[in-house]
Amino acid sequence: MRIEEVQSDGVSIDLVFTRPFRSHSLIRFSLAEEGGGTRVNWRMESPKTFFSRFFNLDRLVGGDFEKGLRQLRQVAEDR
């Protein structure tokens, strides 16, 4: 995982996995002021692979995205 870019409206990350299968993804955390707080949008883009053609990646990693956003919210609200 390597941070590629940090701007006032978000952070871009280059993410490479070698296990359990090789993959390369671009991650973007977009930030926007909303109602006295900040809305965070977590987006992941990756090329179609052999694995992704046979598995629903939203179903496989969607729960991890939701868990990560909840944890991010907790850390931000505790400060």
N, C-alpha and C. Protein backbone atom coordinates (compact mmCIF):
# COMPACT_ATOMS: atom_id res chain seq x y z
N MET A 1 0.86 -1.16 0.00
CA MET A 1 0.00 0.00 0.00
C MET A 1 0.91 1.23 0.00
N ARG A 2 0.65 2.14 -0.95
CA ARG A 2 1.45 3.35 -1.04
C ARG A 2 0.52 4.53 -1.27
N ILE A 3 0.67 5.57 -0.46
CA ILE A 3 -0.11 6.79 -0.64
C ILE A 3 0.44 7.51 -1.87
N GLU A 4 -0.42 7.74 -2.85
CA GLU A 4 -0.03 8.36 -4.11
C GLU A 4 -0.22 9.86 -4.09
N GLU A 5 -1.31 10.31 -3.46
CA GLU A 5 -1.64 11.73 -3.52
C GLU A 5 -2.50 12.10 -2.31
N VAL A 6 -2.19 13.26 -1.73
CA VAL A 6 -3.00 13.79 -0.64
C VAL A 6 -3.43 15.20 -1.04
N GLN A 7 -4.73 15.42 -1.05
CA GLN A 7 -5.28 16.73 -1.38
C GLN A 7 -6.29 17.09 -0.31
N SER A 8 -6.75 18.33 -0.33
CA SER A 8 -7.72 18.76 0.67
C SER A 8 -9.05 18.00 0.55
N ASP A 9 -9.34 17.44 -0.63
CA ASP A 9 -10.61 16.73 -0.82
C ASP A 9 -10.46 15.21 -0.79
N GLY A 10 -9.25 14.70 -0.42
CA GLY A 10 -9.13 13.26 -0.31
C GLY A 10 -7.72 12.73 -0.44
N VAL A 11 -7.64 11.40 -0.42
CA VAL A 11 -6.37 10.69 -0.47
C VAL A 11 -6.47 9.57 -1.50
N SER A 12 -5.43 9.41 -2.33
CA SER A 12 -5.37 8.33 -3.31
C SER A 12 -4.28 7.35 -2.89
N ILE A 13 -4.59 6.05 -2.98
CA ILE A 13 -3.68 5.01 -2.53
C ILE A 13 -3.53 3.95 -3.63
N ASP A 14 -2.30 3.50 -3.84
CA ASP A 14 -2.01 2.39 -4.75
C ASP A 14 -1.89 1.14 -3.89
N LEU A 15 -2.70 0.12 -4.18
CA LEU A 15 -2.77 -1.08 -3.35
C LEU A 15 -2.43 -2.31 -4.19
N VAL A 16 -1.44 -3.09 -3.76
CA VAL A 16 -1.02 -4.29 -4.46
C VAL A 16 -1.06 -5.46 -3.48
N PHE A 17 -1.74 -6.54 -3.89
CA PHE A 17 -1.77 -7.77 -3.12
C PHE A 17 -1.01 -8.85 -3.88
N THR A 18 -0.34 -9.73 -3.15
CA THR A 18 0.31 -10.88 -3.76
C THR A 18 -0.34 -12.18 -3.32
N ARG A 19 -1.09 -12.14 -2.22
CA ARG A 19 -1.79 -13.32 -1.70
C ARG A 19 -3.18 -12.94 -1.24
N PRO A 20 -4.17 -13.73 -1.28
CA PRO A 20 -4.17 -15.10 -1.80
C PRO A 20 -4.11 -15.14 -3.33
N PHE A 21 -4.25 -13.97 -3.97
CA PHE A 21 -4.07 -13.89 -5.42
C PHE A 21 -3.50 -12.51 -5.73
N ARG A 22 -2.85 -12.39 -6.86
CA ARG A 22 -2.25 -11.11 -7.25
C ARG A 22 -3.34 -10.16 -7.71
N SER A 23 -3.26 -8.92 -7.23
CA SER A 23 -4.19 -7.90 -7.70
C SER A 23 -3.58 -6.52 -7.49
N HIS A 24 -4.07 -5.59 -8.25
CA HIS A 24 -3.62 -4.21 -8.18
C HIS A 24 -4.85 -3.31 -8.23
N SER A 25 -4.98 -2.43 -7.25
CA SER A 25 -6.16 -1.57 -7.18
C SER A 25 -5.76 -0.14 -6.86
N LEU A 26 -6.60 0.78 -7.27
CA LEU A 26 -6.45 2.18 -6.90
C LEU A 26 -7.57 2.50 -5.92
N ILE A 27 -7.20 3.05 -4.79
CA ILE A 27 -8.14 3.38 -3.72
C ILE A 27 -8.24 4.90 -3.64
N ARG A 28 -9.45 5.38 -3.41
CA ARG A 28 -9.65 6.82 -3.25
C ARG A 28 -10.60 7.06 -2.08
N PHE A 29 -10.12 7.80 -1.09
CA PHE A 29 -10.96 8.30 -0.01
C PHE A 29 -11.28 9.75 -0.37
N SER A 30 -12.52 10.03 -0.73
CA SER A 30 -12.95 11.39 -1.04
C SER A 30 -13.62 11.99 0.18
N LEU A 31 -13.31 13.25 0.46
CA LEU A 31 -13.84 13.94 1.64
C LEU A 31 -14.67 15.13 1.20
N ALA A 32 -15.84 15.32 1.82
CA ALA A 32 -16.69 16.46 1.50
C ALA A 32 -17.38 16.93 2.78
N GLU A 33 -17.37 18.24 3.01
CA GLU A 33 -18.08 18.79 4.17
C GLU A 33 -19.57 18.56 3.99
N GLU A 34 -20.22 18.16 5.10
CA GLU A 34 -21.65 17.92 5.02
C GLU A 34 -22.27 18.03 6.42
N GLY A 35 -23.19 18.96 6.57
CA GLY A 35 -23.95 19.07 7.81
C GLY A 35 -23.12 19.18 9.07
N GLY A 36 -22.08 19.97 9.05
CA GLY A 36 -21.23 20.13 10.22
C GLY A 36 -20.24 18.99 10.42
N GLY A 37 -20.18 18.06 9.49
CA GLY A 37 -19.25 16.95 9.56
C GLY A 37 -18.57 16.74 8.22
N THR A 38 -18.04 15.57 8.04
CA THR A 38 -17.36 15.23 6.79
C THR A 38 -17.89 13.89 6.28
N ARG A 39 -18.32 13.88 5.02
CA ARG A 39 -18.74 12.63 4.37
C ARG A 39 -17.51 12.02 3.72
N VAL A 40 -17.29 10.74 3.99
CA VAL A 40 -16.17 10.00 3.40
C VAL A 40 -16.73 8.98 2.42
N ASN A 41 -16.20 9.01 1.21
CA ASN A 41 -16.55 8.03 0.20
C ASN A 41 -15.30 7.22 -0.09
N TRP A 42 -15.41 5.89 0.04
CA TRP A 42 -14.28 4.99 -0.16
C TRP A 42 -14.53 4.23 -1.45
N ARG A 43 -13.66 4.44 -2.43
CA ARG A 43 -13.83 3.83 -3.74
C ARG A 43 -12.60 3.00 -4.09
N MET A 44 -12.84 1.84 -4.68
CA MET A 44 -11.74 0.98 -5.10
C MET A 44 -11.95 0.61 -6.56
N GLU A 45 -10.93 0.82 -7.37
CA GLU A 45 -10.97 0.46 -8.79
C GLU A 45 -9.87 -0.55 -9.06
N SER A 46 -10.24 -1.62 -9.77
CA SER A 46 -9.24 -2.60 -10.17
C SER A 46 -9.65 -3.21 -11.50
N PRO A 47 -8.67 -3.65 -12.26
CA PRO A 47 -9.00 -4.26 -13.55
C PRO A 47 -9.72 -5.58 -13.36
N LYS A 48 -10.48 -5.98 -14.35
CA LYS A 48 -11.14 -7.28 -14.33
C LYS A 48 -10.07 -8.37 -14.38
N THR A 49 -10.21 -9.34 -13.51
CA THR A 49 -9.27 -10.44 -13.48
C THR A 49 -10.04 -11.76 -13.62
N PHE A 50 -9.31 -12.82 -13.75
CA PHE A 50 -9.93 -14.14 -13.79
C PHE A 50 -10.80 -14.35 -12.55
N PHE A 51 -10.25 -13.99 -11.39
CA PHE A 51 -10.96 -14.16 -10.12
C PHE A 51 -12.24 -13.33 -10.09
N SER A 52 -12.17 -12.08 -10.51
CA SER A 52 -13.33 -11.19 -10.42
C SER A 52 -14.45 -11.58 -11.38
N ARG A 53 -14.15 -12.36 -12.39
CA ARG A 53 -15.19 -12.80 -13.33
C ARG A 53 -16.10 -13.87 -12.72
N PHE A 54 -15.59 -14.57 -11.71
CA PHE A 54 -16.35 -15.67 -11.12
C PHE A 54 -16.87 -15.40 -9.72
N PHE A 55 -16.43 -14.30 -9.12
CA PHE A 55 -16.86 -13.98 -7.77
C PHE A 55 -17.39 -12.56 -7.72
N ASN A 56 -18.42 -12.35 -6.91
CA ASN A 56 -18.97 -11.01 -6.71
C ASN A 56 -18.09 -10.30 -5.69
N LEU A 57 -17.22 -9.41 -6.18
CA LEU A 57 -16.27 -8.74 -5.29
C LEU A 57 -16.96 -7.83 -4.29
N ASP A 58 -18.09 -7.22 -4.67
CA ASP A 58 -18.84 -6.42 -3.70
C ASP A 58 -19.26 -7.28 -2.52
N ARG A 59 -19.70 -8.47 -2.81
CA ARG A 59 -20.12 -9.38 -1.74
C ARG A 59 -18.91 -9.81 -0.89
N LEU A 60 -17.77 -10.03 -1.54
CA LEU A 60 -16.58 -10.50 -0.82
C LEU A 60 -15.93 -9.42 0.04
N VAL A 61 -15.84 -8.18 -0.46
CA VAL A 61 -15.12 -7.14 0.28
C VAL A 61 -16.02 -6.02 0.79
N GLY A 62 -17.28 -6.02 0.39
CA GLY A 62 -18.19 -4.95 0.82
C GLY A 62 -18.29 -4.83 2.32
N GLY A 63 -18.36 -5.95 3.02
CA GLY A 63 -18.41 -5.92 4.47
C GLY A 63 -17.17 -5.31 5.08
N ASP A 64 -16.01 -5.57 4.46
CA ASP A 64 -14.76 -4.98 4.95
C ASP A 64 -14.77 -3.47 4.75
N PHE A 65 -15.33 -2.99 3.63
CA PHE A 65 -15.44 -1.55 3.41
C PHE A 65 -16.31 -0.93 4.50
N GLU A 66 -17.46 -1.54 4.76
CA GLU A 66 -18.37 -1.01 5.78
C GLU A 66 -17.72 -1.00 7.16
N LYS A 67 -17.04 -2.08 7.50
CA LYS A 67 -16.36 -2.16 8.79
C LYS A 67 -15.28 -1.08 8.89
N GLY A 68 -14.51 -0.92 7.84
CA GLY A 68 -13.45 0.09 7.83
C GLY A 68 -14.01 1.50 7.98
N LEU A 69 -15.11 1.79 7.32
CA LEU A 69 -15.72 3.11 7.44
C LEU A 69 -16.27 3.34 8.84
N ARG A 70 -16.85 2.31 9.46
CA ARG A 70 -17.32 2.45 10.85
C ARG A 70 -16.16 2.72 11.79
N GLN A 71 -15.04 2.02 11.59
CA GLN A 71 -13.87 2.24 12.42
C GLN A 71 -13.30 3.63 12.21
N LEU A 72 -13.26 4.08 10.98
CA LEU A 72 -12.79 5.43 10.68
C LEU A 72 -13.67 6.46 11.38
N ARG A 73 -14.97 6.26 11.32
CA ARG A 73 -15.91 7.18 11.97
C ARG A 73 -15.66 7.22 13.48
N GLN A 74 -15.48 6.06 14.08
CA GLN A 74 -15.25 6.00 15.53
C GLN A 74 -13.98 6.75 15.92
N VAL A 75 -12.92 6.53 15.18
CA VAL A 75 -11.66 7.22 15.47
C VAL A 75 -11.82 8.73 15.31
N ALA A 76 -12.49 9.16 14.24
CA ALA A 76 -12.67 10.59 13.98
C ALA A 76 -13.55 11.22 15.05
N GLU A 77 -14.60 10.53 15.50
CA GLU A 77 -15.50 11.11 16.51
C GLU A 77 -14.90 11.10 17.89
N ASP A 78 -13.93 10.24 18.16
CA ASP A 78 -13.28 10.19 19.47
C ASP A 78 -12.28 11.32 19.65
N ARG A 79 -11.92 12.00 18.60
CA ARG A 79 -10.91 13.08 18.70
C ARG A 79 -11.52 14.38 19.10
